[in-house]
PDB file of N, CA and C in Angstrom:
ATOM      1  N   MET A   1    -132.796  62.531 -75.356  1.00  0.00           N
ATOM      2  CA  MET A   1    -133.546  61.916 -76.322  1.00  0.00           C
ATOM      3  C   MET A   1    -134.177  62.122 -77.673  1.00  0.00           C
ATOM      4  N   VAL A   2    -134.332  60.819 -77.868  1.00  0.00           N
ATOM      5  CA  VAL A   2    -135.035  61.149 -79.822  1.00  0.00           C
ATOM      6  C   VAL A   2    -136.282  60.068 -79.417  1.00  0.00           C
ATOM      7  N   ARG A   3    -136.917  60.808 -80.234  1.00  0.00           N
ATOM      8  CA  ARG A   3    -138.367  60.466 -79.679  1.00  0.00           C
ATOM      9  C   ARG A   3    -138.420  58.850 -81.493  1.00  0.00           C
ATOM     10  N   GLN A   4    -138.782  58.187 -80.551  1.00  0.00           N
ATOM     11  CA  GLN A   4    -139.071  57.050 -81.626  1.00  0.00           C
ATOM     12  C   GLN A   4    -140.414  56.530 -82.284  1.00  0.00           C
ATOM     13  N   THR A   5    -140.451  55.900 -83.378  1.00  0.00           N
ATOM     14  CA  THR A   5    -141.606  55.631 -84.070  1.00  0.00           C
ATOM     15  C   THR A   5    -142.123  54.243 -84.066  1.00  0.00           C
ATOM     16  N   VAL A   6    -140.909  53.429 -84.578  1.00  0.00           N
ATOM     17  CA  VAL A   6    -141.122  51.945 -84.465  1.00  0.00           C
ATOM     18  C   VAL A   6    -140.775  50.732 -83.208  1.00  0.00           C
ATOM     19  N   PHE A   7    -140.008  51.480 -82.493  1.00  0.00           N
ATOM     20  CA  PHE A   7    -139.368  50.754 -81.513  1.00  0.00           C
ATOM     21  C   PHE A   7    -140.015  50.983 -80.032  1.00  0.00           C
ATOM     22  N   GLY A   8    -140.447  50.660 -79.016  1.00  0.00           N
ATOM     23  CA  GLY A   8    -140.781  51.172 -77.829  1.00  0.00           C
ATOM     24  C   GLY A   8    -139.280  51.658 -76.717  1.00  0.00           C
ATOM     25  N   PHE A   9    -138.490  51.592 -77.383  1.00  0.00           N
ATOM     26  CA  PHE A   9    -137.282  52.213 -76.167  1.00  0.00           C
ATOM     27  C   PHE A   9    -136.830  53.691 -76.325  1.00  0.00           C
ATOM     28  N   LYS A  10    -136.159  54.213 -75.442  1.00  0.00           N
ATOM     29  CA  LYS A  10    -135.736  55.498 -75.682  1.00  0.00           C
ATOM     30  C   LYS A  10    -134.097  55.259 -75.846  1.00  0.00           C
ATOM     31  N   LEU A  11    -133.740  56.431 -76.819  1.00  0.00           N
ATOM     32  CA  LEU A  11    -132.354  56.454 -77.111  1.00  0.00           C
ATOM     33  C   LEU A  11    -131.347  57.399 -76.323  1.00  0.00           C
ATOM     34  N   GLU A  12    -130.283  57.409 -75.466  1.00  0.00           N
ATOM     35  CA  GLU A  12    -129.897  58.059 -74.518  1.00  0.00           C
ATOM     36  C   GLU A  12    -128.120  57.302 -75.053  1.00  0.00           C
ATOM     37  N   ARG A  13    -127.432  58.595 -74.179  1.00  0.00           N
ATOM     38  CA  ARG A  13    -126.150  58.403 -74.626  1.00  0.00           C
ATOM     39  C   ARG A  13    -125.738  57.315 -73.559  1.00  0.00           C
ATOM     40  N   THR A  14    -124.445  56.487 -73.617  1.00  0.00           N
ATOM     41  CA  THR A  14    -124.323  55.682 -72.478  1.00  0.00           C
ATOM     42  C   THR A  14    -122.600  55.314 -72.679  1.00  0.00           C
ATOM     43  N   GLU A  15    -122.405  55.075 -71.532  1.00  0.00           N
ATOM     44  CA  GLU A  15    -120.618  54.643 -71.883  1.00  0.00           C
ATOM     45  C   GLU A  15    -120.489  53.183 -71.506  1.00  0.00           C
ATOM     46  N   GLU A  16    -121.981  52.569 -71.222  1.00  0.00           N
ATOM     47  CA  GLU A  16    -121.849  50.776 -71.535  1.00  0.00           C
ATOM     48  C   GLU A  16    -121.434  50.273 -72.952  1.00  0.00           C
ATOM     49  N   PRO A  17    -120.804  49.099 -72.883  1.00  0.00           N
ATOM     50  CA  PRO A  17    -120.597  48.516 -74.293  1.00  0.00           C
ATOM     51  C   PRO A  17    -121.703  48.114 -74.696  1.00  0.00           C
ATOM     52  N   LEU A  18    -121.519  48.343 -76.219  1.00  0.00           N
ATOM     53  CA  LEU A  18    -122.700  47.588 -77.121  1.00  0.00           C
ATOM     54  C   LEU A  18    -122.550  46.926 -78.181  1.00  0.00           C
ATOM     55  N   THR A  19    -123.697  46.287 -78.541  1.00  0.00           N
ATOM     56  CA  THR A  19    -123.244  45.268 -79.973  1.00  0.00           C
ATOM     57  C   THR A  19    -122.560  45.887 -80.867  1.00  0.00           C
ATOM     58  N   ALA A  20    -122.511  44.970 -81.895  1.00  0.00           N
ATOM     59  CA  ALA A  20    -121.525  45.723 -83.048  1.00  0.00           C
ATOM     60  C   ALA A  20    -123.340  45.785 -84.226  1.00  0.00           C
ATOM     61  N   HIS A  21    -124.483  45.427 -83.906  1.00  0.00           N
ATOM     62  CA  HIS A  21    -125.220  45.311 -84.330  1.00  0.00           C
ATOM     63  C   HIS A  21    -126.195  46.676 -83.792  1.00  0.00           C
ATOM     64  N   GLY A  22    -126.013  47.234 -82.620  1.00  0.00           N
ATOM     65  CA  GLY A  22    -127.015  48.250 -81.677  1.00  0.00           C
ATOM     66  C   GLY A  22    -127.411  49.257 -82.761  1.00  0.00           C
ATOM     67  N   GLY A  23    -126.959  49.376 -83.976  1.00  0.00           N
ATOM     68  CA  GLY A  23    -127.398  50.711 -84.598  1.00  0.00           C
ATOM     69  C   GLY A  23    -127.998  50.409 -85.843  1.00  0.00           C
ATOM     70  N   LEU A  24    -128.548  49.024 -86.045  1.00  0.00           N
ATOM     71  CA  LEU A  24    -129.462  48.929 -86.986  1.00  0.00           C
ATOM     72  C   LEU A  24    -131.216  49.312 -86.375  1.00  0.00           C
ATOM     73  N   ALA A  25    -130.987  49.411 -85.223  1.00  0.00           N
ATOM     74  CA  ALA A  25    -132.501  50.134 -84.811  1.00  0.00           C
ATOM     75  C   ALA A  25    -132.749  51.466 -85.188  1.00  0.00           C
ATOM     76  N   LEU A  26    -131.272  52.555 -85.364  1.00  0.00           N
ATOM     77  CA  LEU A  26    -131.431  53.152 -85.919  1.00  0.00           C
ATOM     78  C   LEU A  26    -131.876  53.814 -87.437  1.00  0.00           C
ATOM     79  N   VAL A  27    -131.420  52.492 -87.791  1.00  0.00           N
ATOM     80  CA  VAL A  27    -131.258  52.715 -89.333  1.00  0.00           C
ATOM     81  C   VAL A  27    -132.822  52.042 -89.658  1.00  0.00           C
ATOM     82  N   ALA A  28    -133.489  51.247 -89.096  1.00  0.00           N
ATOM     83  CA  ALA A  28    -134.872  50.726 -89.370  1.00  0.00           C
ATOM     84  C   ALA A  28    -135.620  52.022 -89.292  1.00  0.00           C
ATOM     85  N   GLU A  29    -135.552  52.707 -87.890  1.00  0.00           N
ATOM     86  CA  GLU A  29    -136.060  53.839 -87.492  1.00  0.00           C
ATOM     87  C   GLU A  29    -135.787  55.156 -88.627  1.00  0.00           C
ATOM     88  N   PHE A  30    -134.593  55.084 -89.356  1.00  0.00           N
ATOM     89  CA  PHE A  30    -134.692  56.154 -90.828  1.00  0.00           C
ATOM     90  C   PHE A  30    -135.538  55.645 -91.522  1.00  0.00           C
ATOM     91  N   ASN A  31    -135.191  54.225 -92.097  1.00  0.00           N
ATOM     92  CA  ASN A  31    -136.039  53.577 -93.167  1.00  0.00           C
ATOM     93  C   ASN A  31    -137.722  53.858 -93.127  1.00  0.00           C
ATOM     94  N   HIS A  32    -138.206  54.183 -91.805  1.00  0.00           N
ATOM     95  CA  HIS A  32    -139.539  54.484 -91.521  1.00  0.00           C
ATOM     96  C   HIS A  32    -139.509  55.781 -92.191  1.00  0.00           C
ATOM     97  N   GLY A  33    -138.926  56.597 -91.052  1.00  0.00           N
ATOM     98  CA  GLY A  33    -138.886  58.150 -91.453  1.00  0.00           C
ATOM     99  C   GLY A  33    -139.019  58.822 -92.536  1.00  0.00           C
ATOM    100  N   LEU A  34    -138.262  58.058 -93.558  1.00  0.00           N
ATOM    101  CA  LEU A  34    -138.549  58.646 -94.882  1.00  0.00           C
ATOM    102  C   LEU A  34    -139.651  57.876 -95.610  1.00  0.00           C
ATOM    103  N   GLY A  35    -140.267  57.034 -94.732  1.00  0.00           N
ATOM    104  CA  GLY A  35    -141.854  56.473 -95.818  1.00  0.00           C
ATOM    105  C   GLY A  35    -141.283  55.326 -96.778  1.00  0.00           C
ATOM    106  N   LEU A  36    -139.748  54.805 -96.424  1.00  0.00           N
ATOM    107  CA  LEU A  36    -139.506  53.925 -97.754  1.00  0.00           C
ATOM    108  C   LEU A  36    -140.381  52.722 -97.995  1.00  0.00           C
ATOM    109  N   CYS A  37    -140.980  52.248 -97.116  1.00  0.00           N
ATOM    110  CA  CYS A  37    -142.014  51.110 -96.907  1.00  0.00           C
ATOM    111  C   CYS A  37    -143.041  51.633 -97.937  1.00  0.00           C
ATOM    112  N   GLY A  38    -143.544  52.635 -97.606  1.00  0.00           N
ATOM    113  CA  GLY A  38    -144.801  52.728 -98.601  1.00  0.00           C
ATOM    114  C   GLY A  38    -144.243  52.939 -99.905  1.00  0.00           C
ATOM    115  N   LEU A  39    -143.187  53.507 -99.989  1.00  0.00           N
ATOM    116  CA  LEU A  39    -142.436  53.948-101.538  1.00  0.00           C
ATOM    117  C   LEU A  39    -142.303  52.613-102.335  1.00  0.00           C
ATOM    118  N   VAL A  40    -142.048  51.672-101.563  1.00  0.00           N
ATOM    119  CA  VAL A  40    -141.486  50.383-102.255  1.00  0.00           C
ATOM    120  C   VAL A  40    -142.410  49.609-102.822  1.00  0.00           C
ATOM    121  N   ASP A  41    -143.771  49.875-101.717  1.00  0.00           N
ATOM    122  CA  ASP A  41    -145.357  49.098-101.803  1.00  0.00           C
ATOM    123  C   ASP A  41    -146.127  49.844-103.147  1.00  0.00           C
ATOM    124  N   ARG A  42    -145.477  50.856-103.115  1.00  0.00           N
ATOM    125  CA  ARG A  42    -146.203  51.406-104.289  1.00  0.00           C
ATOM    126  C   ARG A  42    -145.624  51.242-105.654  1.00  0.00           C
ATOM    127  N   TYR A  43    -144.174  51.121-105.590  1.00  0.00           N
ATOM    128  CA  TYR A  43    -143.754  50.955-107.114  1.00  0.00           C
ATOM    129  C   TYR A  43    -143.210  49.845-107.336  1.00  0.00           C
ATOM    130  N   LEU A  44    -143.063  49.128-106.578  1.00  0.00           N
ATOM    131  CA  LEU A  44    -142.865  47.692-106.864  1.00  0.00           C
ATOM    132  C   LEU A  44    -144.178  46.789-106.946  1.00  0.00           C
ATOM    133  N   PRO A  45    -143.988  45.771-107.851  1.00  0.00           N
ATOM    134  CA  PRO A  45    -145.320  45.005-107.844  1.00  0.00           C
ATOM    135  C   PRO A  45    -145.534  44.089-106.639  1.00  0.00           C
ATOM    136  N   ARG A  46    -146.953  43.985-106.338  1.00  0.00           N
ATOM    137  CA  ARG A  46    -147.302  42.656-105.505  1.00  0.00           C
ATOM    138  C   ARG A  46    -146.784  41.442-105.318  1.00  0.00           C
ATOM    139  N   PRO A  47    -147.144  40.438-104.537  1.00  0.00           N
ATOM    140  CA  PRO A  47    -146.820  39.350-104.525  1.00  0.00           C
ATOM    141  C   PRO A  47    -147.882  38.469-105.190  1.00  0.00           C
ATOM    142  N   GLY A  48    -147.273  37.575-105.982  1.00  0.00           N
ATOM    143  CA  GLY A  48    -148.418  36.773-106.976  1.00  0.00           C
ATOM    144  C   GLY A  48    -149.514  35.644-106.218  1.00  0.00           C
ATOM    145  N   SER A  49    -149.292  35.838-104.786  1.00  0.00           N
ATOM    146  CA  SER A  49    -150.085  34.708-104.227  1.00  0.00           C
ATOM    147  C   SER A  49    -150.996  35.863-102.776  1.00  0.00           C
ATOM    148  N   ASN A  50    -151.533  35.162-102.408  1.00  0.00           N
ATOM    149  CA  ASN A  50    -151.644  36.215-100.966  1.00  0.00           C
ATOM    150  C   ASN A  50    -151.467  35.379 -99.697  1.00  0.00           C
ATOM    151  N   ARG A  51    -150.348  34.644-100.123  1.00  0.00           N
ATOM    152  CA  ARG A  51    -149.029  34.001 -99.053  1.00  0.00           C
ATOM    153  C   ARG A  51    -148.036  34.804 -98.983  1.00  0.00           C
ATOM    154  N   GLY A  52    -147.723  35.920-100.001  1.00  0.00           N
ATOM    155  CA  GLY A  52    -146.413  36.170-100.483  1.00  0.00           C
ATOM    156  C   GLY A  52    -145.887  37.662 -99.648  1.00  0.00           C
ATOM    157  N   TYR A  53    -145.214  37.736 -99.507  1.00  0.00           N
ATOM    158  CA  TYR A  53    -144.468  38.869 -98.543  1.00  0.00           C
ATOM    159  C   TYR A  53    -144.880  39.882 -99.682  1.00  0.00           C
ATOM    160  N   ALA A  54    -145.001  41.368 -98.971  1.00  0.00           N
ATOM    161  CA  ALA A  54    -145.014  42.665 -99.426  1.00  0.00           C
ATOM    162  C   ALA A  54    -143.822  43.031 -99.624  1.00  0.00           C
ATOM    163  N   PRO A  55    -143.334  43.661-100.853  1.00  0.00           N
ATOM    164  CA  PRO A  55    -142.019  43.890-101.629  1.00  0.00           C
ATOM    165  C   PRO A  55    -141.027  45.078-100.285  1.00  0.00           C
ATOM    166  N   SER A  56    -142.104  45.613 -99.728  1.00  0.00           N
ATOM    167  CA  SER A  56    -141.605  46.530 -98.671  1.00  0.00           C
ATOM    168  C   SER A  56    -140.883  45.451 -97.620  1.00  0.00           C
ATOM    169  N   VAL A  57    -141.308  44.365 -97.030  1.00  0.00           N
ATOM    170  CA  VAL A  57    -141.007  43.450 -96.257  1.00  0.00           C
ATOM    171  C   VAL A  57    -139.410  42.962 -96.896  1.00  0.00           C
ATOM    172  N   PHE A  58    -139.314  42.587 -97.885  1.00  0.00           N
ATOM    173  CA  PHE A  58    -138.088  42.508 -98.545  1.00  0.00           C
ATOM    174  C   PHE A  58    -136.704  43.323 -98.608  1.00  0.00           C
ATOM    175  N   VAL A  59    -137.435  44.541 -99.077  1.00  0.00           N
ATOM    176  CA  VAL A  59    -136.633  45.411 -99.143  1.00  0.00           C
ATOM    177  C   VAL A  59    -135.989  45.985 -98.001  1.00  0.00           C
ATOM    178  N   ASP A  60    -136.858  45.898 -97.040  1.00  0.00           N
ATOM    179  CA  ASP A  60    -136.396  46.561 -95.096  1.00  0.00           C
ATOM    180  C   ASP A  60    -135.445  45.738 -95.221  1.00  0.00           C
ATOM    181  N   ARG A  61    -135.659  44.493 -94.600  1.00  0.00           N
ATOM    182  CA  ARG A  61    -134.960  43.352 -94.069  1.00  0.00           C
ATOM    183  C   ARG A  61    -133.476  43.172 -95.209  1.00  0.00           C
ATOM    184  N   LEU A  62    -133.546  43.483 -96.479  1.00  0.00           N
ATOM    185  CA  LEU A  62    -132.167  43.763 -97.393  1.00  0.00           C
ATOM    186  C   LEU A  62    -131.599  44.813 -96.584  1.00  0.00           C
ATOM    187  N   ILE A  63    -132.004  45.951 -96.842  1.00  0.00           N
ATOM    188  CA  ILE A  63    -131.197  46.580 -96.081  1.00  0.00           C
ATOM    189  C   ILE A  63    -130.465  46.804 -94.780  1.00  0.00           C
ATOM    190  N   LEU A  64    -131.260  46.153 -93.818  1.00  0.00           N
ATOM    191  CA  LEU A  64    -130.652  45.811 -92.496  1.00  0.00           C
ATOM    192  C   LEU A  64    -129.858  44.953 -92.717  1.00  0.00           C
ATOM    193  N   MET A  65    -129.872  43.741 -93.608  1.00  0.00           N
ATOM    194  CA  MET A  65    -128.822  42.893 -93.397  1.00  0.00           C
ATOM    195  C   MET A  65    -127.699  43.454 -93.958  1.00  0.00           C
ATOM    196  N   LEU A  66    -127.672  44.136 -95.232  1.00  0.00           N
ATOM    197  CA  LEU A  66    -126.664  44.886 -95.641  1.00  0.00           C
ATOM    198  C   LEU A  66    -125.804  45.586 -94.898  1.00  0.00           C
ATOM    199  N   GLN A  67    -126.640  46.375 -94.132  1.00  0.00           N
ATOM    200  CA  GLN A  67    -126.040  47.510 -92.900  1.00  0.00           C
ATOM    201  C   GLN A  67    -125.083  46.242 -92.234  1.00  0.00           C
ATOM    202  N   ALA A  68    -126.079  45.362 -91.515  1.00  0.00           N
ATOM    203  CA  ALA A  68    -125.378  44.732 -90.234  1.00  0.00           C
ATOM    204  C   ALA A  68    -124.047  43.701 -91.286  1.00  0.00           C
ATOM    205  N   GLY A  69    -123.906  43.807 -92.761  1.00  0.00           N
ATOM    206  CA  GLY A  69    -122.767  42.898 -92.701  1.00  0.00           C
ATOM    207  C   GLY A  69    -122.744  42.031 -94.178  1.00  0.00           C
ATOM    208  N   ALA A  70    -123.972  41.747 -94.514  1.00  0.00           N
ATOM    209  CA  ALA A  70    -124.454  40.595 -94.783  1.00  0.00           C
ATOM    210  C   ALA A  70    -123.129  40.928 -96.602  1.00  0.00           C
ATOM    211  N   GLY A  71    -123.092  41.537 -96.924  1.00  0.00           N
ATOM    212  CA  GLY A  71    -122.144  41.576 -98.447  1.00  0.00           C
ATOM    213  C   GLY A  71    -121.047  40.933 -98.113  1.00  0.00           C
ATOM    214  N   VAL A  72    -120.588  41.007 -96.770  1.00  0.00           N
ATOM    215  CA  VAL A  72    -119.234  40.290 -96.430  1.00  0.00           C
ATOM    216  C   VAL A  72    -119.273  38.921 -96.890  1.00  0.00           C
ATOM    217  N   TRP A  73    -120.082  38.034 -97.060  1.00  0.00           N
ATOM    218  CA  TRP A  73    -120.239  36.627 -97.400  1.00  0.00           C
ATOM    219  C   TRP A  73    -119.430  36.552 -98.591  1.00  0.00           C
ATOM    220  N   ARG A  74    -118.986  37.319 -99.378  1.00  0.00           N
ATOM    221  CA  ARG A  74    -118.248  37.023-100.603  1.00  0.00           C
ATOM    222  C   ARG A  74    -116.887  36.485-100.159  1.00  0.00           C
ATOM    223  N   THR A  75    -116.534  37.390 -99.336  1.00  0.00           N
ATOM    224  CA  THR A  75    -115.138  36.944 -98.390  1.00  0.00           C
ATOM    225  C   THR A  75    -114.775  35.634 -97.867  1.00  0.00           C
ATOM    226  N   TYR A  76    -115.751  34.746 -97.799  1.00  0.00           N
ATOM    227  CA  TYR A  76    -115.579  33.277 -97.049  1.00  0.00           C
ATOM    228  C   TYR A  76    -116.470  32.227 -98.288  1.00  0.00           C
ATOM    229  N   GLY A  77    -117.271  33.087 -99.377  1.00  0.00           N
ATOM    230  CA  GLY A  77    -117.298  32.011-100.417  1.00  0.00           C
ATOM    231  C   GLY A  77    -116.463  30.936-100.794  1.00  0.00           C
ATOM    232  N   SER A  78    -117.114  30.627-102.269  1.00  0.00           N
ATOM    233  CA  SER A  78    -116.065  29.581-102.621  1.00  0.00           C
ATOM    234  C   SER A  78    -115.063  30.186-103.477  1.00  0.00           C
TER     235      SER A  78
END
């Protein structure tokens, strides 16, 4: 088993079918383990208002979306 830091579940080998997005949890764990959010927040500017999101939120979600196949939208675009 692998020790997690973000999610409250254990990773184990299984023969059961998984969804195509099952590996995104590993990508999120990897980003967290690298300390990516802290680096992004340190080097990118903070939002201009108190309602804005931290830069790390955008970067984290962008990485997960691209990993999930968000870059494929160009195939279906105009």
